[in-house]
Amino acid sequence: MIVNKETRDLLLEIQKTKRLFLEGNLLKVIEAEEGDVEFSDYLKESTEKDKAARRRRLEVTKQVQEQNSDLLDWQRENQNLTDNLKDALTNAESAKSDALSAKEEAERLKEEAVRLKDGAEQSKEEAEKAKDSALNDLDVLQKRSQTELISTIVKVALLVILSVGVITTIMYSIAMWTGKDTQIIGSTWSNMFGILLTNAFSIVGTIMGVKYASEGKENK
């Protein structure tokens, strides 16, 4: 397509004054008139500048795409780092919570151990008191039993002495009232009474000696 003279002159004027050239697909359809070297050179230079501009735009587009790709990679990497950081913070919070729980459990176990220790010491003291009380009761019971046994032995010994004395005296009295010879009975009565008294006092003395010896050993 050949443009009219006014359009041709206007394009050339803009090129000379503004340093602007025609661009785009119009360069593919506009042609210079045969013999119009100036406009033909204009169209040729415009086409070269348009191709150069297209190459520059393509290079810029590629650079932008590469930068966008790098930016996307950086965003993905940054997102991964952010996610990892969130996971690390979550794990740290969980570990902190677990540590606090473990610390609280340790404190609870410590308090429980102290309480059990105090309870054991108290139980030990109560056991010692119960032991002392049982020993005291046993000692009192032993002393009471020993006293009762001694008293029984003394009573039996005295009863035996009195019984023998009474029986011998009755026999001696009967012999006297019946007119029998009392010399033999009298000597026998005296000897037997003396032996019984001696044995009785010997038994009582032995028992009292054992009692005092036992009390002295306990006091030591």
Protein backbone atom coordinates (compact mmCIF):
# COMPACT_ATOMS: atom_id res chain seq x y z
CA MET A 1 0.00 0.00 0.00
CA ILE A 2 1.40 3.42 -1.05
CA VAL A 3 0.56 6.34 1.18
CA ASN A 4 -0.20 9.81 -0.15
CA LYS A 5 2.36 12.58 -0.17
CA GLU A 6 0.99 14.37 2.92
CA THR A 7 1.29 11.17 5.02
CA ARG A 8 4.75 10.44 3.57
CA ASP A 9 5.97 13.96 4.36
CA LEU A 10 4.45 13.84 7.86
CA LEU A 11 6.20 10.54 8.68
CA LEU A 12 9.51 11.88 7.42
CA GLU A 13 9.05 15.11 9.40
CA ILE A 14 8.31 13.18 12.61
CA GLN A 15 11.39 11.07 12.01
CA LYS A 16 13.58 14.11 11.55
CA THR A 17 12.21 16.22 14.38
CA LYS A 18 11.12 13.64 16.98
CA ARG A 19 13.35 10.70 16.01
CA LEU A 20 10.25 8.52 15.94
CA PHE A 21 9.73 5.76 13.39
CA LEU A 22 6.75 3.87 12.22
CA GLU A 23 6.33 0.53 14.03
CA GLY A 24 4.19 -2.52 13.92
CA ASN A 25 2.41 -4.43 11.25
CA LEU A 26 1.87 -1.27 9.14
CA LEU A 27 5.46 -1.58 7.93
CA LYS A 28 4.46 -4.83 6.24
CA VAL A 29 1.80 -3.16 4.08
CA ILE A 30 3.24 0.32 3.40
CA GLU A 31 5.47 0.65 0.37
CA ALA A 32 7.41 3.53 -1.12
CA GLU A 33 6.74 4.80 -4.61
CA GLU A 34 9.17 3.69 -7.23
CA GLY A 35 12.14 6.03 -7.26
CA ASP A 36 11.37 7.47 -3.79
CA VAL A 37 14.70 6.55 -2.23
CA GLU A 38 14.23 8.72 0.84
CA PHE A 39 10.94 7.14 1.91
CA SER A 40 12.23 3.68 0.99
CA ASP A 41 15.25 4.22 3.25
CA TYR A 42 12.84 5.45 5.95
CA LEU A 43 10.74 2.32 5.69
CA LYS A 44 13.85 0.12 5.71
CA GLU A 45 15.27 1.88 8.78
CA SER A 46 11.88 1.76 10.48
CA THR A 47 11.66 -1.97 9.79
CA GLU A 48 15.15 -2.55 11.23
CA LYS A 49 14.35 -0.45 14.29
CA ASP A 50 11.04 -2.28 14.69
CA LYS A 51 12.86 -5.65 14.53
CA ALA A 52 15.45 -4.39 17.01
CA ALA A 53 12.70 -3.12 19.30
CA ARG A 54 10.92 -6.47 19.01
CA ARG A 55 14.16 -8.29 19.88
CA ARG A 56 14.69 -6.01 22.87
CA ARG A 57 11.09 -6.52 24.00
CA LEU A 58 11.53 -10.28 23.56
CA GLU A 59 14.74 -10.23 25.57
CA VAL A 60 13.07 -8.11 28.24
CA THR A 61 10.12 -10.49 28.22
CA LYS A 62 12.48 -13.45 28.64
CA GLN A 63 14.32 -11.65 31.42
CA VAL A 64 11.04 -10.82 33.10
CA GLN A 65 9.91 -14.43 32.70
CA GLU A 66 13.22 -15.65 34.12
CA GLN A 67 12.93 -13.16 36.96
CA ASN A 68 9.35 -14.24 37.49
CA SER A 69 10.49 -17.86 37.50
CA ASP A 70 13.25 -17.00 39.97
CA LEU A 71 10.72 -15.04 41.99
CA LEU A 72 8.35 -17.99 41.99
CA ASP A 73 11.18 -20.30 43.04
CA TRP A 74 12.14 -17.86 45.75
CA GLN A 75 8.51 -17.64 46.85
CA ARG A 76 8.26 -21.42 46.96
CA GLU A 77 11.52 -21.64 48.88
CA ASN A 78 10.41 -18.86 51.18
CA GLN A 79 7.09 -20.65 51.70
CA ASN A 80 8.95 -23.87 52.50
CA LEU A 81 11.15 -22.01 54.94
CA THR A 82 8.08 -20.39 56.47
CA ASP A 83 6.35 -23.77 56.76
CA ASN A 84 9.50 -25.29 58.28
CA LEU A 85 9.72 -22.38 60.69
CA LYS A 86 6.07 -22.84 61.65
CA ASP A 87 6.67 -26.57 62.18
CA ALA A 88 9.77 -25.80 64.24
CA LEU A 89 7.83 -23.29 66.34
CA THR A 90 4.99 -25.79 66.77
CA ASN A 91 7.46 -28.50 67.78
CA ALA A 92 9.19 -26.08 70.14
CA GLU A 93 5.88 -25.16 71.74
CA SER A 94 4.99 -28.84 72.02
CA ALA A 95 8.40 -29.63 73.50
CA LYS A 96 8.02 -26.70 75.90
CA SER A 97 4.58 -27.94 76.89
CA ASP A 98 5.94 -31.48 77.34
CA ALA A 99 8.84 -30.11 79.39
CA LEU A 100 6.44 -28.15 81.59
CA SER A 101 4.26 -31.24 82.00
CA ALA A 102 7.32 -33.33 82.86
CA LYS A 103 8.45 -30.67 85.35
CA GLU A 104 5.00 -30.57 86.95
CA GLU A 105 4.95 -34.38 87.10
CA ALA A 106 8.43 -34.38 88.66
CA GLU A 107 7.30 -31.82 91.25
CA ARG A 108 4.21 -33.90 91.98
CA LEU A 109 6.29 -37.06 92.38
CA LYS A 110 8.73 -35.17 94.60
CA GLU A 111 5.89 -33.94 96.80
CA GLU A 112 4.44 -37.45 96.87
CA ALA A 113 7.84 -38.86 97.87
CA VAL A 114 8.16 -36.27 100.66
CA ARG A 115 4.64 -37.06 101.83
CA LEU A 116 5.38 -40.80 101.80
CA LYS A 117 8.64 -40.18 103.66
CA ASP A 118 6.84 -38.15 106.29
CA GLY A 119 4.18 -40.85 106.53
CA ALA A 120 6.86 -43.53 106.88
CA GLU A 121 8.63 -41.56 109.61
CA GLN A 122 5.33 -41.03 111.40
CA SER A 123 4.51 -44.74 111.04
CA LYS A 124 7.98 -45.57 112.37
CA GLU A 125 7.44 -43.33 115.39
CA GLU A 126 4.03 -44.87 115.99
CA ALA A 127 5.55 -48.35 115.66
CA GLU A 128 8.27 -47.41 118.17
CA LYS A 129 5.63 -46.10 120.55
CA ALA A 130 3.55 -49.25 120.07
CA LYS A 131 6.67 -51.35 120.67
CA ASP A 132 7.53 -49.46 123.85
CA SER A 133 3.93 -49.74 125.02
CA ALA A 134 3.89 -53.48 124.28
CA LEU A 135 7.20 -53.96 126.12
CA ASN A 136 5.88 -51.97 129.08
CA ASP A 137 2.66 -53.99 129.08
CA LEU A 138 4.66 -57.22 128.84
CA ASP A 139 6.93 -56.12 131.66
CA VAL A 140 3.94 -55.21 133.82
CA LEU A 141 2.28 -58.51 132.94
CA GLN A 142 5.47 -60.44 133.75
CA LYS A 143 5.87 -58.63 137.05
CA ARG A 144 2.22 -59.20 137.87
CA SER A 145 2.46 -62.85 136.96
CA GLN A 146 5.67 -63.20 138.95
CA THR A 147 4.10 -61.47 141.96
CA GLU A 148 1.02 -63.65 141.74
CA LEU A 149 3.18 -66.79 141.42
CA ILE A 150 5.30 -65.80 144.44
CA SER A 151 2.18 -64.99 146.42
CA THR A 152 0.66 -68.35 145.49
CA ILE A 153 3.83 -70.23 146.44
CA VAL A 154 4.05 -68.40 149.76
CA LYS A 155 0.38 -69.07 150.48
CA VAL A 156 0.75 -72.74 149.61
CA ALA A 157 3.91 -73.05 151.72
CA LEU A 158 2.23 -71.36 154.67
CA LEU A 159 -0.84 -73.49 154.18
CA VAL A 160 1.24 -76.64 154.15
CA ILE A 161 3.11 -75.52 157.31
CA LEU A 162 -0.11 -74.67 159.08
CA SER A 163 -1.75 -77.88 157.95
CA VAL A 164 1.14 -80.03 159.12
CA GLY A 165 1.36 -78.07 162.36
CA VAL A 166 -2.36 -78.38 163.00
CA ILE A 167 -2.42 -82.11 162.16
CA THR A 168 0.62 -82.82 164.33
CA THR A 169 -0.82 -80.74 167.18
CA ILE A 170 -4.13 -82.61 166.98
CA MET A 171 -2.36 -85.95 167.03
CA TYR A 172 -0.25 -84.84 170.01
CA SER A 173 -3.35 -83.59 171.82
CA ILE A 174 -5.20 -86.86 171.19
CA ALA A 175 -2.24 -88.80 172.51
CA MET A 176 -2.20 -86.68 175.65
CA TRP A 177 -5.95 -87.07 176.26
CA THR A 178 -5.88 -90.80 175.75
CA GLY A 179 -2.98 -91.27 178.13
CA LYS A 180 -0.58 -92.51 175.51
CA ASP A 181 3.14 -92.03 175.72
CA THR A 182 3.71 -88.60 174.15
CA GLN A 183 7.46 -88.55 174.31
CA ILE A 184 7.96 -90.02 170.89
CA ILE A 185 5.09 -88.01 169.39
CA GLY A 186 6.34 -84.83 171.02
CA SER A 187 9.86 -85.19 169.71
CA THR A 188 8.52 -86.10 166.30
CA TRP A 189 6.20 -83.09 166.36
CA SER A 190 9.01 -80.75 167.36
CA ASN A 191 11.38 -82.09 164.70
CA MET A 192 8.76 -82.02 161.95
CA PHE A 193 7.59 -78.53 162.88
CA GLY A 194 11.16 -77.29 162.85
CA ILE A 195 11.89 -78.90 159.48
CA LEU A 196 8.72 -77.46 157.96
CA LEU A 197 9.47 -73.99 159.26
CA THR A 198 13.05 -74.18 158.01
CA ASN A 199 11.97 -75.35 154.56
CA ALA A 200 9.19 -72.80 154.37
CA PHE A 201 11.47 -69.90 155.19
CA SER A 202 14.11 -71.31 152.82
CA ILE A 203 11.55 -71.37 149.99
CA VAL A 204 10.35 -67.85 150.75
CA GLY A 205 13.93 -66.56 151.00
CA THR A 206 14.88 -68.16 147.70
CA ILE A 207 11.84 -66.67 145.96
CA MET A 208 12.48 -63.19 147.34
CA GLY A 209 16.15 -63.42 146.36
CA VAL A 210 15.23 -64.35 142.79
CA LYS A 211 12.72 -61.49 142.66
CA TYR A 212 15.22 -58.88 143.86
CA ALA A 213 17.89 -60.22 141.49
CA SER A 214 15.48 -59.94 138.54
CA GLU A 215 14.51 -56.39 139.49
CA GLY A 216 18.16 -55.38 139.84
CA LYS A 217 19.00 -56.78 136.38
CA GLU A 218 16.08 -54.93 134.81
CA ASN A 219 17.13 -51.65 136.43
CA LYS A 220 20.63 -52.02 134.98
